[in-house]
Amino acid sequence: KSTSWFFVKEIKSLEDLAKQYGLDFDLQISGSTKTATKAAGINGELFIVPYSVTVVGSFNNIEKYVEAAEHTSFVNQTQDVSIQAIEGKTRAVLNSVFYLKS
């Protein structure tokens, strides 16, 4: 099963949030369900799949997007954020992980 099929609802949710705040959105998944690693310090079968989201738009709307993305209905964790001003807009890259149960 491909990761993109596994995370369709999650990806759509993040994409809809970006659209709600008028942001350009790009998501890259850098792992797969086959290469997922076990989450450290967790009893049980919880695995992580890394992904990166790039959003471009106004700083205020990026801030709202990040806050909303932290309160989604699925488990994810942003591990690092970089923000840049480019041609009158703000570009933010969020490196995160999806958590999945096997």
C-alpha atoms as a PDB file:
ATOM      1  CA  LYS A   1       0.000   0.000   0.000  1.00  0.00           C
ATOM      2  CA  SER A   2       1.478   3.363  -0.926  1.00  0.00           C
ATOM      3  CA  THR A   3       1.865   6.044   1.742  1.00  0.00           C
ATOM      4  CA  SER A   4      -0.062   8.576  -0.312  1.00  0.00           C
ATOM      5  CA  TRP A   5      -3.093   6.266  -0.234  1.00  0.00           C
ATOM      6  CA  PHE A   6      -2.662   5.676   3.485  1.00  0.00           C
ATOM      7  CA  PHE A   7      -2.584   9.401   4.320  1.00  0.00           C
ATOM      8  CA  VAL A   8      -5.164  10.711   1.862  1.00  0.00           C
ATOM      9  CA  LYS A   9      -7.469  12.152   4.568  1.00  0.00           C
ATOM     10  CA  GLU A  10      -4.563  13.672   6.495  1.00  0.00           C
ATOM     11  CA  ILE A  11      -3.045  15.271   3.400  1.00  0.00           C
ATOM     12  CA  LYS A  12      -6.459  16.597   2.322  1.00  0.00           C
ATOM     13  CA  SER A  13      -6.968  18.070   5.796  1.00  0.00           C
ATOM     14  CA  LEU A  14      -3.639  19.956   5.649  1.00  0.00           C
ATOM     15  CA  GLU A  15      -4.348  21.078   2.095  1.00  0.00           C
ATOM     16  CA  ASP A  16      -7.819  22.355   3.072  1.00  0.00           C
ATOM     17  CA  LEU A  17      -6.315  24.329   5.974  1.00  0.00           C
ATOM     18  CA  ALA A  18      -3.856  26.010   3.619  1.00  0.00           C
ATOM     19  CA  LYS A  19      -6.686  26.846   1.220  1.00  0.00           C
ATOM     20  CA  GLN A  20      -8.784  28.235   4.102  1.00  0.00           C
ATOM     21  CA  TYR A  21      -5.966  30.683   4.901  1.00  0.00           C
ATOM     22  CA  GLY A  22      -5.208  31.559   1.258  1.00  0.00           C
ATOM     23  CA  LEU A  23      -1.793  29.869   1.223  1.00  0.00           C
ATOM     24  CA  ASP A  24       0.049  28.117  -1.574  1.00  0.00           C
ATOM     25  CA  PHE A  25       0.648  24.541  -0.381  1.00  0.00           C
ATOM     26  CA  ASP A  26       3.132  21.788  -1.216  1.00  0.00           C
ATOM     27  CA  LEU A  27       3.599  18.520   0.704  1.00  0.00           C
ATOM     28  CA  GLN A  28       6.428  16.028   0.267  1.00  0.00           C
ATOM     29  CA  ILE A  29       6.410  12.667   2.046  1.00  0.00           C
ATOM     30  CA  SER A  30       9.958  11.447   2.619  1.00  0.00           C
ATOM     31  CA  GLY A  31       9.097   7.987   3.866  1.00  0.00           C
ATOM     32  CA  SER A  32       6.642   5.202   3.254  1.00  0.00           C
ATOM     33  CA  THR A  33       4.648   2.703   5.259  1.00  0.00           C
ATOM     34  CA  LYS A  34       7.344   0.150   4.381  1.00  0.00           C
ATOM     35  CA  THR A  35      10.240   2.335   5.599  1.00  0.00           C
ATOM     36  CA  ALA A  36       8.471   3.791   8.663  1.00  0.00           C
ATOM     37  CA  THR A  37      10.498   3.580  11.865  1.00  0.00           C
ATOM     38  CA  LYS A  38       9.166   2.659  15.287  1.00  0.00           C
ATOM     39  CA  ALA A  39       8.495   5.665  17.516  1.00  0.00           C
ATOM     40  CA  ALA A  40      11.042   5.831  20.329  1.00  0.00           C
ATOM     41  CA  GLY A  41       9.915   5.479  23.928  1.00  0.00           C
ATOM     42  CA  ILE A  42       6.492   4.076  23.023  1.00  0.00           C
ATOM     43  CA  ASN A  43       5.173   0.706  24.118  1.00  0.00           C
ATOM     44  CA  GLY A  44       3.308  -0.865  21.244  1.00  0.00           C
ATOM     45  CA  GLU A  45       3.432  -0.572  17.501  1.00  0.00           C
ATOM     46  CA  LEU A  46       3.492   3.140  16.688  1.00  0.00           C
ATOM     47  CA  PHE A  47       5.488   4.169  13.616  1.00  0.00           C
ATOM     48  CA  ILE A  48       6.528   7.517  12.144  1.00  0.00           C
ATOM     49  CA  VAL A  49       6.560   8.707   8.528  1.00  0.00           C
ATOM     50  CA  PRO A  50       8.371  12.017   7.890  1.00  0.00           C
ATOM     51  CA  TYR A  51       6.889  14.714   5.680  1.00  0.00           C
ATOM     52  CA  SER A  52       7.515  18.341   4.799  1.00  0.00           C
ATOM     53  CA  VAL A  53       4.945  21.057   4.125  1.00  0.00           C
ATOM     54  CA  THR A  54       5.777  24.329   2.382  1.00  0.00           C
ATOM     55  CA  VAL A  55       3.227  27.137   2.617  1.00  0.00           C
ATOM     56  CA  VAL A  56       3.530  30.583   1.039  1.00  0.00           C
ATOM     57  CA  GLY A  57       1.391  33.631   1.801  1.00  0.00           C
ATOM     58  CA  SER A  58       1.006  36.281   4.472  1.00  0.00           C
ATOM     59  CA  PHE A  59       2.858  35.782   7.754  1.00  0.00           C
ATOM     60  CA  ASN A  60      -0.368  36.125   9.773  1.00  0.00           C
ATOM     61  CA  ASN A  61      -2.110  33.428   7.738  1.00  0.00           C
ATOM     62  CA  ILE A  62       0.891  31.095   8.014  1.00  0.00           C
ATOM     63  CA  GLU A  63       0.774  31.585  11.780  1.00  0.00           C
ATOM     64  CA  LYS A  64      -2.954  30.657  11.771  1.00  0.00           C
ATOM     65  CA  TYR A  65      -2.244  27.621   9.561  1.00  0.00           C
ATOM     66  CA  VAL A  66       0.484  26.332  11.895  1.00  0.00           C
ATOM     67  CA  GLU A  67      -1.782  26.717  14.925  1.00  0.00           C
ATOM     68  CA  ALA A  68      -4.678  24.940  13.175  1.00  0.00           C
ATOM     69  CA  ALA A  69      -2.394  22.148  11.893  1.00  0.00           C
ATOM     70  CA  GLU A  70      -1.384  21.426  15.500  1.00  0.00           C
ATOM     71  CA  HIS A  71      -5.042  20.681  16.338  1.00  0.00           C
ATOM     72  CA  THR A  72      -5.952  18.268  13.551  1.00  0.00           C
ATOM     73  CA  SER A  73      -7.897  15.051  14.097  1.00  0.00           C
ATOM     74  CA  PHE A  74      -4.824  12.911  13.318  1.00  0.00           C
ATOM     75  CA  VAL A  75      -1.557  12.558  15.213  1.00  0.00           C
ATOM     76  CA  ASN A  76       1.380  14.476  13.778  1.00  0.00           C
ATOM     77  CA  GLN A  77       4.268  16.460  15.191  1.00  0.00           C
ATOM     78  CA  THR A  78       6.111  19.405  13.706  1.00  0.00           C
ATOM     79  CA  GLN A  79       9.808  18.998  14.431  1.00  0.00           C
ATOM     80  CA  ASP A  80      11.211  22.126  12.851  1.00  0.00           C
ATOM     81  CA  VAL A  81      10.019  25.266  11.088  1.00  0.00           C
ATOM     82  CA  SER A  82      11.928  27.651   8.859  1.00  0.00           C
ATOM     83  CA  ILE A  83      10.474  30.986   7.765  1.00  0.00           C
ATOM     84  CA  GLN A  84      11.704  33.240   4.975  1.00  0.00           C
ATOM     85  CA  ALA A  85      10.513  36.498   3.422  1.00  0.00           C
ATOM     86  CA  ILE A  86      10.423  36.207  -0.381  1.00  0.00           C
ATOM     87  CA  GLU A  87       9.184  38.914  -2.768  1.00  0.00           C
ATOM     88  CA  GLY A  88       6.674  40.435  -0.356  1.00  0.00           C
ATOM     89  CA  LYS A  89       5.386  37.079   0.884  1.00  0.00           C
ATOM     90  CA  THR A  90       6.363  34.676   3.618  1.00  0.00           C
ATOM     91  CA  ARG A  91       7.478  31.100   2.940  1.00  0.00           C
ATOM     92  CA  ALA A  92       7.414  28.563   5.761  1.00  0.00           C
ATOM     93  CA  VAL A  93       8.718  25.005   5.632  1.00  0.00           C
ATOM     94  CA  LEU A  94       7.452  22.664   8.356  1.00  0.00           C
ATOM     95  CA  ASN A  95       9.266  19.354   8.778  1.00  0.00           C
ATOM     96  CA  SER A  96       6.929  16.985  10.555  1.00  0.00           C
ATOM     97  CA  VAL A  97       5.991  13.341  11.068  1.00  0.00           C
ATOM     98  CA  PHE A  98       2.762  11.398  10.762  1.00  0.00           C
ATOM     99  CA  TYR A  99       2.236   8.739  13.448  1.00  0.00           C
ATOM    100  CA  LEU A 100       0.559   5.489  12.473  1.00  0.00           C
ATOM    101  CA  LYS A 101      -0.421   2.298  14.252  1.00  0.00           C
ATOM    102  CA  SER A 102       0.413  -0.950  12.544  1.00  0.00           C
END
